[in-house]
Structures are given as structure tokens and as C-alpha cells.
Amino acid sequence: MSEFSVSIIGCGDIGFSFDHNKKTEGALSHFKAFNSSEYFEVKAVAEIKKDVRDIIENEYKISVYDDYKRMLNENKFDVIVIATDDSSHFEILKNIIPYKPKLVFSEKPLALNFEDVKEICDLYEKSKIHLQVNYTRRFLKEFYEVEQFIKSKRIGELESATFYYSRGLIHNASHYLDLVNWYIGETEKNLIKISEKAGISSDDNTVSFDIFYENGLEIRFIGLNPSKLTFAEIDLVGSKGRVKVNYKNEIEKYNVTENKLFNGYTSYELTETIPIKYSNALPNAVENIYGVLTGHEKLKSPADNSLKIFELIKRIKEKPLCQN
């Protein structure tokens, strides 16, 4: 018998559908990640689309609801997952608190602005409910290895970082702002806002901007037009090496070596390519949640990290565009 009960609010792509009728290793949805764990039982889900509810009810024989409030009124859950659209998270997070789950696992973002994110963080801390946010890379060992590669100075002094992204400063760039805070830190920095274009909603534009640190480090975010093209690249360049996340979802590591063509000069030479197993992220998050609930681990992506991300997003949004 499983130790902890789970409910999922929202059974769209990451809630359920990414894994439906697929035989992928690991899990790309919350439903499969929790349903595959010996420690958790998915007891009920809430989803507004009837065809999805019918699939889950018929194939998995669990309770389905079209209204998450009715689901919570009729059941008690240890863990509640929020996998609805971005604009709904703030209200749902507030409405969940009186039901006193042990832990809530929310898709990012917690809300669409700094003030609301801060309110959620304060409310959950006061209510003593664990709040985990799904910033995927926090649950992948490949990105912890990149952290060690940077902080051990194997690439020397970090000189520049470039991030390509699309579909919103909040929705997608926040993943990489989290990496900036994680890998580089939150020391004082100057910021220039270069351009702004449509994102995935009127509340979430895609912004290109540069961040400059006092030590000379330069960070550049390049925002692309909105689409479902799964293109995102990262390039971290140091004085002795380089780390890239390429379009094939691989981490490339480079060392500085002697240039074979031009005597006395050096170049970056690819030394290792590591596939990123994104289908391990949610199963690893579930393992982390079990560790938190049993008192053996801390949250790997706590709500406080989101507050730090939104402090930076607030600065970016308030900054006027740089005029040439």
C-alpha cells in the first residue's frame, strides 16, 4: 500500500497527456511520475476536458472531477499537484491552503508578478505547507554536474553566458533565470532591456536583455518569436573552457587547447557530450518529494527560488527599452 495520496489539478500536456499511449523511459507527465512510484497513489484528478477525464477514468479506474474544489471537498490528499495554465496558479494555490495538504507541487510560475508570488510564499510558510515548483533542471543530475564544472573553475573564470528562449519571459525564460541565480549568484548587477515581442499571453512578453556584473561577466538573453518549436540553447564561456546545451538536448563540454592551425593561439575543443535525460526530471522530483515528506531531504526547487526569479523579472519588466 502506498504511503501518500496524490491529486492532480489539470491533466493537459504535462499533467497527463505527454505520456498517454507512449512507452517512454521515465515520465514526462505528473500523472505517470506519481503513478509509477511505489510511495504514492494518485487517488483523483480534476480536469475540465471531458474526453481526458473519460480516458483517465476508463483506463486507470480512479476518481475524476470537472471541478477541483469539489474534489478537494470530498477527499483528503497528502500531495496536490497543480498543472493548469499559468494564469490560474495564483488563485488555485490560495484556494488549496484550507485543505492543509502536506505538500503542493506546482508547475511554474506560482503567479504572474512579484507581489503575488511573494504573497503565496508567505501564505505557505505561515501555513507550514511545503511548496515545490517544477523548474525542471533542478531535478536533473546533468545540471548539477554543470554547476560543479563552473564552480570548480574547470572552465576558468566565467566570462559570458548566452540563453536563447521563446514563449515568454515568465513561462520559459524563468527556467534560465533560475540557472543564472543557481550557477552565478544574485550579486548586484546592471541590466539593459533591448527588445520586447509577443510571448504566450498579454501578461508574458518575450524580452531580450543583457545583464552585466561588476566583475565583467556578461549575460545575454535572446528572445525568439513565440512558437512550439522546442529550441533553447545555452552557452557558458570561460577562460579555460566552455559548456553548451545544444539543440539536441545535449550538454557539450569544451577545454581550451592549442590551436593546430595558428601557432601561439588557442581554441575551444569539444571533449565530452552528455545527453540530457529530461524524462528523469519528474520521477526525480517525486523521489525528492518523498524524501521531504519522510524528513530525509530538503526541497530541491522551493518556492523561495521563485521569489528570487521574480525579483529579477520585476526589474526586467520595469526597465525601459534601450533606445539606439
C-alpha atoms as a PDB file:
ATOM      1  CA  MET A   1       0.000   0.000   0.000  1.00  0.00           C
ATOM      2  CA  SER A   2       1.342   3.440  -0.981  1.00  0.00           C
ATOM      3  CA  GLU A   3       2.298   5.810   1.795  1.00  0.00           C
ATOM      4  CA  PHE A   4       0.967   9.099   0.401  1.00  0.00           C
ATOM      5  CA  SER A   5      -2.148  10.076  -1.552  1.00  0.00           C
ATOM      6  CA  VAL A   6      -1.982  12.436  -4.532  1.00  0.00           C
ATOM      7  CA  SER A   7      -4.415  14.534  -6.532  1.00  0.00           C
ATOM      8  CA  ILE A   8      -3.647  16.307  -9.807  1.00  0.00           C
ATOM      9  CA  ILE A   9      -5.375  19.510 -10.863  1.00  0.00           C
ATOM     10  CA  GLY A  10      -5.049  19.834 -14.630  1.00  0.00           C
ATOM     11  CA  CYS A  11      -4.412  16.891 -16.953  1.00  0.00           C
ATOM     12  CA  GLY A  12      -3.174  18.590 -20.098  1.00  0.00           C
ATOM     13  CA  ASP A  13       0.268  18.006 -21.615  1.00  0.00           C
ATOM     14  CA  ILE A  14       2.465  17.933 -18.512  1.00  0.00           C
ATOM     15  CA  GLY A  15      -0.368  16.881 -16.237  1.00  0.00           C
ATOM     16  CA  PHE A  16      -1.174  13.709 -18.187  1.00  0.00           C
ATOM     17  CA  SER A  17      -1.109  13.763 -21.991  1.00  0.00           C
ATOM     18  CA  PHE A  18       2.640  13.823 -22.712  1.00  0.00           C
ATOM     19  CA  ASP A  19       2.819  10.164 -21.623  1.00  0.00           C
ATOM     20  CA  HIS A  20      -0.532   8.863 -22.815  1.00  0.00           C
ATOM     21  CA  ASN A  21      -0.149   5.942 -25.252  1.00  0.00           C
ATOM     22  CA  LYS A  22       3.638   6.303 -25.183  1.00  0.00           C
ATOM     23  CA  LYS A  23       6.268   3.888 -23.910  1.00  0.00           C
ATOM     24  CA  THR A  24       8.959   6.378 -22.972  1.00  0.00           C
ATOM     25  CA  GLU A  25      11.513   5.674 -20.278  1.00  0.00           C
ATOM     26  CA  GLY A  26      10.896   7.713 -17.148  1.00  0.00           C
ATOM     27  CA  ALA A  27       7.989  10.158 -17.237  1.00  0.00           C
ATOM     28  CA  LEU A  28       7.087  13.398 -18.984  1.00  0.00           C
ATOM     29  CA  SER A  29       3.881  13.966 -17.012  1.00  0.00           C
ATOM     30  CA  HIS A  30       2.973  14.319 -13.353  1.00  0.00           C
ATOM     31  CA  PHE A  31       0.410  11.538 -13.654  1.00  0.00           C
ATOM     32  CA  LYS A  32       2.910   8.909 -14.821  1.00  0.00           C
ATOM     33  CA  ALA A  33       5.652  10.101 -12.451  1.00  0.00           C
ATOM     34  CA  PHE A  34       3.453   9.717  -9.364  1.00  0.00           C
ATOM     35  CA  ASN A  35       1.504   6.724 -10.666  1.00  0.00           C
ATOM     36  CA  SER A  36       4.759   4.826 -11.266  1.00  0.00           C
ATOM     37  CA  SER A  37       6.081   5.437  -7.754  1.00  0.00           C
ATOM     38  CA  GLU A  38       5.641   2.803  -5.057  1.00  0.00           C
ATOM     39  CA  TYR A  39       5.380   5.574  -2.472  1.00  0.00           C
ATOM     40  CA  PHE A  40       2.394   7.461  -3.919  1.00  0.00           C
ATOM     41  CA  GLU A  41      -1.136   6.721  -5.076  1.00  0.00           C
ATOM     42  CA  VAL A  42      -2.944   9.057  -7.477  1.00  0.00           C
ATOM     43  CA  LYS A  43      -6.418   8.923  -5.954  1.00  0.00           C
ATOM     44  CA  ALA A  44      -8.194  11.559  -8.041  1.00  0.00           C
ATOM     45  CA  VAL A  45      -7.727  14.152 -10.769  1.00  0.00           C
ATOM     46  CA  ALA A  46      -9.554  17.291 -11.820  1.00  0.00           C
ATOM     47  CA  GLU A  47      -9.723  18.253 -15.487  1.00  0.00           C
ATOM     48  CA  ILE A  48     -12.138  20.480 -17.426  1.00  0.00           C
ATOM     49  CA  LYS A  49     -11.951  18.444 -20.686  1.00  0.00           C
ATOM     50  CA  LYS A  50     -14.416  15.557 -20.646  1.00  0.00           C
ATOM     51  CA  ASP A  51     -12.552  13.430 -23.195  1.00  0.00           C
ATOM     52  CA  VAL A  52      -9.441  13.467 -20.995  1.00  0.00           C
ATOM     53  CA  ARG A  53     -11.485  12.669 -17.886  1.00  0.00           C
ATOM     54  CA  ASP A  54     -13.069   9.727 -19.698  1.00  0.00           C
ATOM     55  CA  ILE A  55      -9.659   8.325 -20.706  1.00  0.00           C
ATOM     56  CA  ILE A  56      -8.322   8.504 -17.147  1.00  0.00           C
ATOM     57  CA  GLU A  57     -11.480   7.089 -15.580  1.00  0.00           C
ATOM     58  CA  ASN A  58     -11.719   4.210 -18.060  1.00  0.00           C
ATOM     59  CA  GLU A  59      -8.036   3.282 -18.231  1.00  0.00           C
ATOM     60  CA  TYR A  60      -6.961   3.862 -14.634  1.00  0.00           C
ATOM     61  CA  LYS A  61     -10.194   3.439 -12.655  1.00  0.00           C
ATOM     62  CA  ILE A  62      -9.620   6.458 -10.430  1.00  0.00           C
ATOM     63  CA  SER A  63     -11.966   9.274  -9.462  1.00  0.00           C
ATOM     64  CA  VAL A  64     -12.240  12.164 -11.917  1.00  0.00           C
ATOM     65  CA  TYR A  65     -13.756  15.593 -11.380  1.00  0.00           C
ATOM     66  CA  ASP A  66     -14.543  18.590 -13.542  1.00  0.00           C
ATOM     67  CA  ASP A  67     -14.204  20.897 -10.519  1.00  0.00           C
ATOM     68  CA  TYR A  68     -11.085  20.773  -8.348  1.00  0.00           C
ATOM     69  CA  LYS A  69     -12.878  22.363  -5.381  1.00  0.00           C
ATOM     70  CA  ARG A  70     -15.416  19.554  -5.294  1.00  0.00           C
ATOM     71  CA  MET A  71     -12.560  17.044  -5.500  1.00  0.00           C
ATOM     72  CA  LEU A  72     -10.848  18.643  -2.507  1.00  0.00           C
ATOM     73  CA  ASN A  73     -14.093  18.881  -0.541  1.00  0.00           C
ATOM     74  CA  GLU A  74     -14.778  15.172  -0.978  1.00  0.00           C
ATOM     75  CA  ASN A  75     -11.254  13.844  -0.361  1.00  0.00           C
ATOM     76  CA  LYS A  76      -8.145  14.369   1.741  1.00  0.00           C
ATOM     77  CA  PHE A  77      -4.768  14.340  -0.025  1.00  0.00           C
ATOM     78  CA  ASP A  78      -1.188  14.400   1.178  1.00  0.00           C
ATOM     79  CA  VAL A  79       0.128  15.903  -2.067  1.00  0.00           C
ATOM     80  CA  ILE A  80      -1.675  18.187  -4.517  1.00  0.00           C
ATOM     81  CA  VAL A  81      -0.227  18.831  -7.980  1.00  0.00           C
ATOM     82  CA  ILE A  82      -1.100  21.969  -9.960  1.00  0.00           C
ATOM     83  CA  ALA A  83      -0.629  21.517 -13.707  1.00  0.00           C
ATOM     84  CA  THR A  84      -3.085  24.058 -15.100  1.00  0.00           C
ATOM     85  CA  ASP A  85      -2.397  27.119 -17.253  1.00  0.00           C
ATOM     86  CA  ASP A  86      -0.089  29.811 -15.871  1.00  0.00           C
ATOM     87  CA  SER A  87      -2.754  32.428 -15.131  1.00  0.00           C
ATOM     88  CA  SER A  88      -4.728  30.058 -12.866  1.00  0.00           C
ATOM     89  CA  HIS A  89      -1.916  29.101 -10.468  1.00  0.00           C
ATOM     90  CA  PHE A  90      -2.216  32.027  -8.054  1.00  0.00           C
ATOM     91  CA  GLU A  91      -5.919  31.517  -7.347  1.00  0.00           C
ATOM     92  CA  ILE A  92      -5.657  27.733  -7.063  1.00  0.00           C
ATOM     93  CA  LEU A  93      -2.652  27.963  -4.734  1.00  0.00           C
ATOM     94  CA  LYS A  94      -4.610  30.263  -2.411  1.00  0.00           C
ATOM     95  CA  ASN A  95      -7.717  28.069  -2.520  1.00  0.00           C
ATOM     96  CA  ILE A  96      -5.752  24.915  -1.626  1.00  0.00           C
ATOM     97  CA  ILE A  97      -4.410  26.209   1.706  1.00  0.00           C
ATOM     98  CA  PRO A  98      -7.528  25.486   3.845  1.00  0.00           C
ATOM     99  CA  TYR A  99      -7.370  21.812   2.809  1.00  0.00           C
ATOM    100  CA  LYS A 100      -3.968  21.512   4.510  1.00  0.00           C
ATOM    101  CA  PRO A 101      -2.065  19.075   2.293  1.00  0.00           C
ATOM    102  CA  LYS A 102       1.415  18.143   3.421  1.00  0.00           C
ATOM    103  CA  LEU A 103       2.945  19.363   0.134  1.00  0.00           C
ATOM    104  CA  VAL A 104       1.916  21.157  -3.050  1.00  0.00           C
ATOM    105  CA  PHE A 105       3.861  20.614  -6.271  1.00  0.00           C
ATOM    106  CA  SER A 106       3.092  23.406  -8.731  1.00  0.00           C
ATOM    107  CA  GLU A 107       4.052  23.973 -12.299  1.00  0.00           C
ATOM    108  CA  LYS A 108       5.860  27.253 -12.719  1.00  0.00           C
ATOM    109  CA  PRO A 109       5.085  30.089 -12.346  1.00  0.00           C
ATOM    110  CA  LEU A 110       3.446  30.437  -8.952  1.00  0.00           C
ATOM    111  CA  ALA A 111       1.857  33.660 -10.220  1.00  0.00           C
ATOM    112  CA  LEU A 112       2.418  36.276 -12.921  1.00  0.00           C
ATOM    113  CA  ASN A 113       4.014  39.036 -10.850  1.00  0.00           C
ATOM    114  CA  PHE A 114       6.390  39.507  -7.938  1.00  0.00           C
ATOM    115  CA  GLU A 115       3.769  40.723  -5.443  1.00  0.00           C
ATOM    116  CA  ASP A 116       1.536  37.680  -5.945  1.00  0.00           C
ATOM    117  CA  VAL A 117       4.484  35.270  -5.795  1.00  0.00           C
ATOM    118  CA  LYS A 118       5.570  36.868  -2.507  1.00  0.00           C
ATOM    119  CA  GLU A 119       2.040  36.549  -1.125  1.00  0.00           C
ATOM    120  CA  ILE A 120       1.948  32.836  -1.993  1.00  0.00           C
ATOM    121  CA  CYS A 121       5.372  32.215  -0.444  1.00  0.00           C
ATOM    122  CA  ASP A 122       4.324  33.998   2.761  1.00  0.00           C
ATOM    123  CA  LEU A 123       0.988  32.163   2.987  1.00  0.00           C
ATOM    124  CA  TYR A 124       2.544  28.723   2.525  1.00  0.00           C
ATOM    125  CA  GLU A 125       5.300  29.426   5.008  1.00  0.00           C
ATOM    126  CA  LYS A 126       2.734  30.605   7.556  1.00  0.00           C
ATOM    127  CA  SER A 127       0.559  27.532   6.891  1.00  0.00           C
ATOM    128  CA  LYS A 128       3.586  25.201   7.145  1.00  0.00           C
ATOM    129  CA  ILE A 129       2.775  23.555   3.804  1.00  0.00           C
ATOM    130  CA  HIS A 130       5.752  22.511   1.677  1.00  0.00           C
ATOM    131  CA  LEU A 131       5.651  24.225  -1.731  1.00  0.00           C
ATOM    132  CA  GLN A 132       7.760  22.810  -4.569  1.00  0.00           C
ATOM    133  CA  VAL A 133       7.927  24.419  -8.036  1.00  0.00           C
ATOM    134  CA  ASN A 134       8.680  22.487 -11.206  1.00  0.00           C
ATOM    135  CA  TYR A 135      11.819  24.144 -12.522  1.00  0.00           C
ATOM    136  CA  THR A 136      12.827  21.013 -14.419  1.00  0.00           C
ATOM    137  CA  ARG A 137      16.593  21.410 -14.360  1.00  0.00           C
ATOM    138  CA  ARG A 138      16.637  21.389 -10.548  1.00  0.00           C
ATOM    139  CA  PHE A 139      15.772  17.681 -10.738  1.00  0.00           C
ATOM    140  CA  LEU A 140      18.381  16.603 -13.290  1.00  0.00           C
ATOM    141  CA  LYS A 141      21.862  15.424 -12.308  1.00  0.00           C
ATOM    142  CA  GLU A 142      23.264  16.710 -15.604  1.00  0.00           C
ATOM    143  CA  PHE A 143      22.668  20.300 -14.490  1.00  0.00           C
ATOM    144  CA  TYR A 144      24.240  19.673 -11.080  1.00  0.00           C
ATOM    145  CA  GLU A 145      27.302  18.443 -12.969  1.00  0.00           C
ATOM    146  CA  VAL A 146      27.331  21.715 -14.929  1.00  0.00           C
ATOM    147  CA  GLU A 147      27.222  23.577 -11.599  1.00  0.00           C
ATOM    148  CA  GLN A 148      30.314  21.683 -10.446  1.00  0.00           C
ATOM    149  CA  PHE A 149      32.023  22.275 -13.786  1.00  0.00           C
ATOM    150  CA  ILE A 150      31.548  26.029 -13.301  1.00  0.00           C
ATOM    151  CA  LYS A 151      32.154  26.354  -9.555  1.00  0.00           C
ATOM    152  CA  SER A 152      35.248  24.129  -9.575  1.00  0.00           C
ATOM    153  CA  LYS A 153      36.741  26.614 -12.082  1.00  0.00           C
ATOM    154  CA  ARG A 154      37.317  23.870 -14.644  1.00  0.00           C
ATOM    155  CA  ILE A 155      36.261  26.437 -17.241  1.00  0.00           C
ATOM    156  CA  GLY A 156      38.300  29.141 -15.503  1.00  0.00           C
ATOM    157  CA  GLU A 157      36.601  32.463 -14.877  1.00  0.00           C
ATOM    158  CA  LEU A 158      33.136  32.624 -16.420  1.00  0.00           C
ATOM    159  CA  GLU A 159      33.174  35.476 -18.955  1.00  0.00           C
ATOM    160  CA  SER A 160      29.835  35.254 -20.742  1.00  0.00           C
ATOM    161  CA  ALA A 161      26.552  33.344 -20.808  1.00  0.00           C
ATOM    162  CA  THR A 162      24.021  33.370 -23.649  1.00  0.00           C
ATOM    163  CA  PHE A 163      20.484  31.968 -23.463  1.00  0.00           C
ATOM    164  CA  TYR A 164      18.103  31.549 -26.411  1.00  0.00           C
ATOM    165  CA  TYR A 165      14.447  31.111 -25.498  1.00  0.00           C
ATOM    166  CA  SER A 166      10.884  31.715 -26.685  1.00  0.00           C
ATOM    167  CA  ARG A 167       7.305  31.801 -25.368  1.00  0.00           C
ATOM    168  CA  GLY A 168       7.522  34.339 -22.594  1.00  0.00           C
ATOM    169  CA  LEU A 169       9.814  35.864 -20.001  1.00  0.00           C
ATOM    170  CA  ILE A 170       7.808  34.227 -17.204  1.00  0.00           C
ATOM    171  CA  HIS A 171       6.831  30.962 -18.861  1.00  0.00           C
ATOM    172  CA  ASN A 172      10.178  29.931 -20.362  1.00  0.00           C
ATOM    173  CA  ALA A 173      12.951  32.434 -19.581  1.00  0.00           C
ATOM    174  CA  SER A 174      12.305  31.880 -15.871  1.00  0.00           C
ATOM    175  CA  HIS A 175      13.910  28.424 -16.236  1.00  0.00           C
ATOM    176  CA  TYR A 176      17.148  30.100 -17.295  1.00  0.00           C
ATOM    177  CA  LEU A 177      16.902  32.952 -14.800  1.00  0.00           C
ATOM    178  CA  ASP A 178      16.802  30.193 -12.204  1.00  0.00           C
ATOM    179  CA  LEU A 179      20.052  28.826 -13.669  1.00  0.00           C
ATOM    180  CA  VAL A 180      21.588  32.317 -13.503  1.00  0.00           C
ATOM    181  CA  ASN A 181      20.729  32.575  -9.800  1.00  0.00           C
ATOM    182  CA  TRP A 182      21.859  28.988  -9.188  1.00  0.00           C
ATOM    183  CA  TYR A 183      25.153  28.996 -11.079  1.00  0.00           C
ATOM    184  CA  ILE A 184      26.248  32.611 -10.902  1.00  0.00           C
ATOM    185  CA  GLY A 185      24.542  34.147  -7.892  1.00  0.00           C
ATOM    186  CA  GLU A 186      22.382  37.113  -7.088  1.00  0.00           C
ATOM    187  CA  THR A 187      25.043  39.777  -6.605  1.00  0.00           C
ATOM    188  CA  GLU A 188      24.360  43.346  -7.731  1.00  0.00           C
ATOM    189  CA  LYS A 189      24.090  43.634 -11.497  1.00  0.00           C
ATOM    190  CA  ASN A 190      23.272  46.184 -14.194  1.00  0.00           C
ATOM    191  CA  LEU A 191      20.602  45.423 -16.738  1.00  0.00           C
ATOM    192  CA  ILE A 192      19.797  46.668 -20.253  1.00  0.00           C
ATOM    193  CA  LYS A 193      16.463  45.813 -21.894  1.00  0.00           C
ATOM    194  CA  ILE A 194      16.993  45.525 -25.642  1.00  0.00           C
ATOM    195  CA  SER A 195      13.693  44.450 -27.219  1.00  0.00           C
ATOM    196  CA  GLU A 196      10.250  43.102 -26.438  1.00  0.00           C
ATOM    197  CA  LYS A 197       7.936  40.942 -28.548  1.00  0.00           C
ATOM    198  CA  ALA A 198       4.829  38.845 -28.103  1.00  0.00           C
ATOM    199  CA  GLY A 199       5.012  35.885 -25.746  1.00  0.00           C
ATOM    200  CA  ILE A 200       2.306  33.345 -24.984  1.00  0.00           C
ATOM    201  CA  SER A 201      -0.093  35.871 -23.419  1.00  0.00           C
ATOM    202  CA  SER A 202      -0.570  39.612 -22.934  1.00  0.00           C
ATOM    203  CA  ASP A 203       0.830  39.210 -19.398  1.00  0.00           C
ATOM    204  CA  ASP A 204       4.012  37.474 -20.528  1.00  0.00           C
ATOM    205  CA  ASN A 205       6.006  39.067 -23.335  1.00  0.00           C
ATOM    206  CA  THR A 206       9.297  37.699 -24.631  1.00  0.00           C
ATOM    207  CA  VAL A 207      12.135  40.083 -23.763  1.00  0.00           C
ATOM    208  CA  SER A 208      15.740  40.284 -24.950  1.00  0.00           C
ATOM    209  CA  PHE A 209      18.077  41.775 -22.359  1.00  0.00           C
ATOM    210  CA  ASP A 210      21.662  41.901 -21.122  1.00  0.00           C
ATOM    211  CA  ILE A 211      22.924  41.580 -17.540  1.00  0.00           C
ATOM    212  CA  PHE A 212      26.338  42.945 -16.541  1.00  0.00           C
ATOM    213  CA  TYR A 213      28.144  42.002 -13.327  1.00  0.00           C
ATOM    214  CA  GLU A 214      30.768  44.146 -11.611  1.00  0.00           C
ATOM    215  CA  ASN A 215      33.450  41.507 -12.283  1.00  0.00           C
ATOM    216  CA  GLY A 216      32.955  41.872 -16.047  1.00  0.00           C
ATOM    217  CA  LEU A 217      30.691  38.847 -16.591  1.00  0.00           C
ATOM    218  CA  GLU A 218      28.126  39.431 -19.334  1.00  0.00           C
ATOM    219  CA  ILE A 219      24.832  37.515 -19.649  1.00  0.00           C
ATOM    220  CA  ARG A 220      22.622  37.782 -22.719  1.00  0.00           C
ATOM    221  CA  PHE A 221      19.044  36.559 -23.139  1.00  0.00           C
ATOM    222  CA  ILE A 222      17.833  36.427 -26.738  1.00  0.00           C
ATOM    223  CA  GLY A 223      14.065  36.152 -27.077  1.00  0.00           C
ATOM    224  CA  LEU A 224      12.656  34.446 -30.166  1.00  0.00           C
ATOM    225  CA  ASN A 225       9.192  34.662 -31.707  1.00  0.00           C
ATOM    226  CA  PRO A 226       6.511  32.550 -29.991  1.00  0.00           C
ATOM    227  CA  SER A 227       6.006  29.055 -31.345  1.00  0.00           C
ATOM    228  CA  LYS A 228       6.047  25.459 -30.162  1.00  0.00           C
ATOM    229  CA  LEU A 229       9.465  24.985 -31.731  1.00  0.00           C
ATOM    230  CA  THR A 230      11.436  23.256 -28.992  1.00  0.00           C
ATOM    231  CA  PHE A 231      14.544  25.350 -29.482  1.00  0.00           C
ATOM    232  CA  ALA A 232      16.507  26.568 -26.488  1.00  0.00           C
ATOM    233  CA  GLU A 233      20.274  26.810 -26.258  1.00  0.00           C
ATOM    234  CA  ILE A 234      22.697  27.831 -23.524  1.00  0.00           C
ATOM    235  CA  ASP A 235      26.343  28.821 -23.993  1.00  0.00           C
ATOM    236  CA  LEU A 236      28.566  29.375 -20.946  1.00  0.00           C
ATOM    237  CA  VAL A 237      32.051  30.584 -21.895  1.00  0.00           C
ATOM    238  CA  GLY A 238      35.018  30.672 -19.519  1.00  0.00           C
ATOM    239  CA  SER A 239      38.709  31.494 -19.766  1.00  0.00           C
ATOM    240  CA  LYS A 240      39.709  27.792 -19.712  1.00  0.00           C
ATOM    241  CA  GLY A 241      36.631  26.031 -21.057  1.00  0.00           C
ATOM    242  CA  ARG A 242      33.067  26.200 -22.210  1.00  0.00           C
ATOM    243  CA  VAL A 243      29.720  24.459 -21.578  1.00  0.00           C
ATOM    244  CA  LYS A 244      26.870  24.397 -24.082  1.00  0.00           C
ATOM    245  CA  VAL A 245      23.362  22.970 -24.055  1.00  0.00           C
ATOM    246  CA  ASN A 246      22.672  22.327 -27.723  1.00  0.00           C
ATOM    247  CA  TYR A 247      19.516  21.957 -29.816  1.00  0.00           C
ATOM    248  CA  LYS A 248      19.664  18.158 -29.468  1.00  0.00           C
ATOM    249  CA  ASN A 249      19.288  18.396 -25.665  1.00  0.00           C
ATOM    250  CA  GLU A 250      22.911  17.519 -25.046  1.00  0.00           C
ATOM    251  CA  ILE A 251      25.481  19.130 -22.782  1.00  0.00           C
ATOM    252  CA  GLU A 252      28.755  19.804 -24.570  1.00  0.00           C
ATOM    253  CA  LYS A 253      31.945  20.379 -22.584  1.00  0.00           C
ATOM    254  CA  TYR A 254      34.993  22.099 -24.094  1.00  0.00           C
ATOM    255  CA  ASN A 255      38.558  22.725 -22.960  1.00  0.00           C
ATOM    256  CA  VAL A 256      40.942  25.407 -24.202  1.00  0.00           C
ATOM    257  CA  THR A 257      43.663  23.738 -26.279  1.00  0.00           C
ATOM    258  CA  GLU A 258      46.469  24.842 -28.568  1.00  0.00           C
ATOM    259  CA  ASN A 259      45.219  25.872 -31.996  1.00  0.00           C
ATOM    260  CA  LYS A 260      46.528  23.347 -34.510  1.00  0.00           C
ATOM    261  CA  LEU A 261      46.490  25.827 -37.381  1.00  0.00           C
ATOM    262  CA  PHE A 262      47.731  29.076 -35.850  1.00  0.00           C
ATOM    263  CA  ASN A 263      50.822  28.792 -33.651  1.00  0.00           C
ATOM    264  CA  GLY A 264      50.626  30.607 -30.335  1.00  0.00           C
ATOM    265  CA  TYR A 265      46.810  30.756 -30.346  1.00  0.00           C
ATOM    266  CA  THR A 266      44.235  28.606 -28.577  1.00  0.00           C
ATOM    267  CA  SER A 267      40.720  27.385 -29.337  1.00  0.00           C
ATOM    268  CA  TYR A 268      37.856  25.537 -27.650  1.00  0.00           C
ATOM    269  CA  GLU A 269      37.917  21.797 -28.275  1.00  0.00           C
ATOM    270  CA  LEU A 270      34.893  19.588 -27.625  1.00  0.00           C
ATOM    271  CA  THR A 271      35.865  16.925 -25.066  1.00  0.00           C
ATOM    272  CA  GLU A 272      32.566  15.394 -23.922  1.00  0.00           C
ATOM    273  CA  THR A 273      28.911  15.232 -24.979  1.00  0.00           C
ATOM    274  CA  ILE A 274      26.290  14.197 -22.413  1.00  0.00           C
ATOM    275  CA  PRO A 275      22.620  13.525 -23.344  1.00  0.00           C
ATOM    276  CA  ILE A 276      20.131  15.247 -21.045  1.00  0.00           C
ATOM    277  CA  LYS A 277      17.512  12.762 -19.865  1.00  0.00           C
ATOM    278  CA  TYR A 278      14.589  15.138 -19.369  1.00  0.00           C
ATOM    279  CA  SER A 279      12.264  12.181 -18.783  1.00  0.00           C
ATOM    280  CA  ASN A 280      14.077  11.631 -15.473  1.00  0.00           C
ATOM    281  CA  ALA A 281      13.158  15.073 -14.109  1.00  0.00           C
ATOM    282  CA  LEU A 282       9.642  14.393 -12.825  1.00  0.00           C
ATOM    283  CA  PRO A 283      10.476  10.928 -11.405  1.00  0.00           C
ATOM    284  CA  ASN A 284      13.432  12.553  -9.613  1.00  0.00           C
ATOM    285  CA  ALA A 285      11.123  15.304  -8.345  1.00  0.00           C
ATOM    286  CA  VAL A 286       8.761  12.642  -6.993  1.00  0.00           C
ATOM    287  CA  GLU A 287      11.676  10.951  -5.216  1.00  0.00           C
ATOM    288  CA  ASN A 288      12.666  14.305  -3.731  1.00  0.00           C
ATOM    289  CA  ILE A 289       9.093  14.907  -2.555  1.00  0.00           C
ATOM    290  CA  TYR A 290       9.097  11.507  -0.843  1.00  0.00           C
ATOM    291  CA  GLY A 291      12.379  12.415   0.854  1.00  0.00           C
ATOM    292  CA  VAL A 292      10.894  15.702   2.059  1.00  0.00           C
ATOM    293  CA  LEU A 293       7.732  14.067   3.394  1.00  0.00           C
ATOM    294  CA  THR A 294       9.760  11.452   5.290  1.00  0.00           C
ATOM    295  CA  GLY A 295      12.163  14.052   6.679  1.00  0.00           C
ATOM    296  CA  HIS A 296      15.274  12.890   4.803  1.00  0.00           C
ATOM    297  CA  GLU A 297      15.671  15.640   2.203  1.00  0.00           C
ATOM    298  CA  LYS A 298      15.042  19.311   1.549  1.00  0.00           C
ATOM    299  CA  LEU A 299      13.047  20.625  -1.391  1.00  0.00           C
ATOM    300  CA  LYS A 300      15.228  20.916  -4.480  1.00  0.00           C
ATOM    301  CA  SER A 301      13.085  23.654  -6.014  1.00  0.00           C
ATOM    302  CA  PRO A 302      11.408  25.507  -3.126  1.00  0.00           C
ATOM    303  CA  ALA A 303       9.106  28.486  -3.523  1.00  0.00           C
ATOM    304  CA  ASP A 304      11.830  30.846  -2.250  1.00  0.00           C
ATOM    305  CA  ASN A 305      13.733  30.263  -5.501  1.00  0.00           C
ATOM    306  CA  SER A 306      10.703  31.536  -7.425  1.00  0.00           C
ATOM    307  CA  LEU A 307      10.710  34.689  -5.347  1.00  0.00           C
ATOM    308  CA  LYS A 308      14.325  35.346  -6.357  1.00  0.00           C
ATOM    309  CA  ILE A 309      13.460  34.720 -10.006  1.00  0.00           C
ATOM    310  CA  PHE A 310      10.543  37.152  -9.857  1.00  0.00           C
ATOM    311  CA  GLU A 311      12.639  39.822  -8.193  1.00  0.00           C
ATOM    312  CA  LEU A 312      14.744  39.768 -11.362  1.00  0.00           C
ATOM    313  CA  ILE A 313      11.704  39.529 -13.673  1.00  0.00           C
ATOM    314  CA  LYS A 314      10.227  42.591 -11.938  1.00  0.00           C
ATOM    315  CA  ARG A 315      13.417  44.561 -12.635  1.00  0.00           C
ATOM    316  CA  ILE A 316      13.433  43.447 -16.271  1.00  0.00           C
ATOM    317  CA  LYS A 317       9.781  44.352 -16.825  1.00  0.00           C
ATOM    318  CA  GLU A 318      10.153  47.781 -15.204  1.00  0.00           C
ATOM    319  CA  LYS A 319      13.275  48.660 -17.191  1.00  0.00           C
ATOM    320  CA  PRO A 320      12.654  50.930 -20.217  1.00  0.00           C
ATOM    321  CA  LEU A 321      13.782  49.717 -23.614  1.00  0.00           C
ATOM    322  CA  CYS A 322      17.265  50.849 -24.597  1.00  0.00           C
ATOM    323  CA  GLN A 323      16.973  53.459 -27.361  1.00  0.00           C
ATOM    324  CA  ASN A 324      19.689  53.404 -30.031  1.00  0.00           C
END
